[in-house]
Amino acid sequence: MTDLDAICGALKTAPFRPLRATLVRCVALVPLTEHGTPDYLFTSGQANRCNPPGVHCVYFSEDEKTARTEYGRRFGRSAGVLQPLGTYFAEVSLARVLDLGDIRTREAVGLKARELSVAWQAARTPIRTQLLGLAVSKQTTFSAIRFPSDATRAAGFAGFNIVIFQDAVQWPDFVRILGPTKKPLQQWP
């Protein structure tokens, strides 16, 4: 049995929590708007902390301070940090979220706390959090993973991120990008 098989099996009995909240995302404004209408729920399929390449998901933070810290860490002191910044909000209602901030959940999926901050950028094979994201993306029981922000930990405060998997968001769950009217700017499903 592979690590992925073990994780898929563990998801069947893993604890979950519902999430009904307003989440926030900070991104570079130019790529967001370069094709005219912004695609707030754009999924590149590029690797990140909780997904290997090819998995379509979008990352949000639980608060604006965390989102800005994540953005700042990505660009560091480079010129990219000085470009215009787009901040937007999403109303989410997700019945089953895998909460990696909870020790019982981490134990259920065989994940150690130290594995939450493993450097994924240079890894030759998917790290365990990426395998977990791959497993979540292949089912519809869970729609998201909540995990501690490594960027905020490095900055000296606690913050959490949520990665939402596009194909796992099924009605009645939803992700709605908030705008100036009651009509969402974009939504899943």
Foldseek 3Di string as FASTA:
>chain_A
DDLLVLLLVLVVPFDWAKDWAKWKAKDFPCVQCVVPQGDPQDFPQDDDLQAHRNFGKDKTWRDDVLNLLVVCVVQPPHCSNVGDMDMFMKGWTWGTEQEPVDPSRCVSSVHDPVQSPPDQPPDPDGGSSNSNSVSLLVEQPGFKYKGWDPSVVVVPDTIIMIMGGQVNQDPPIKIFIDDPDPHGSDMGD
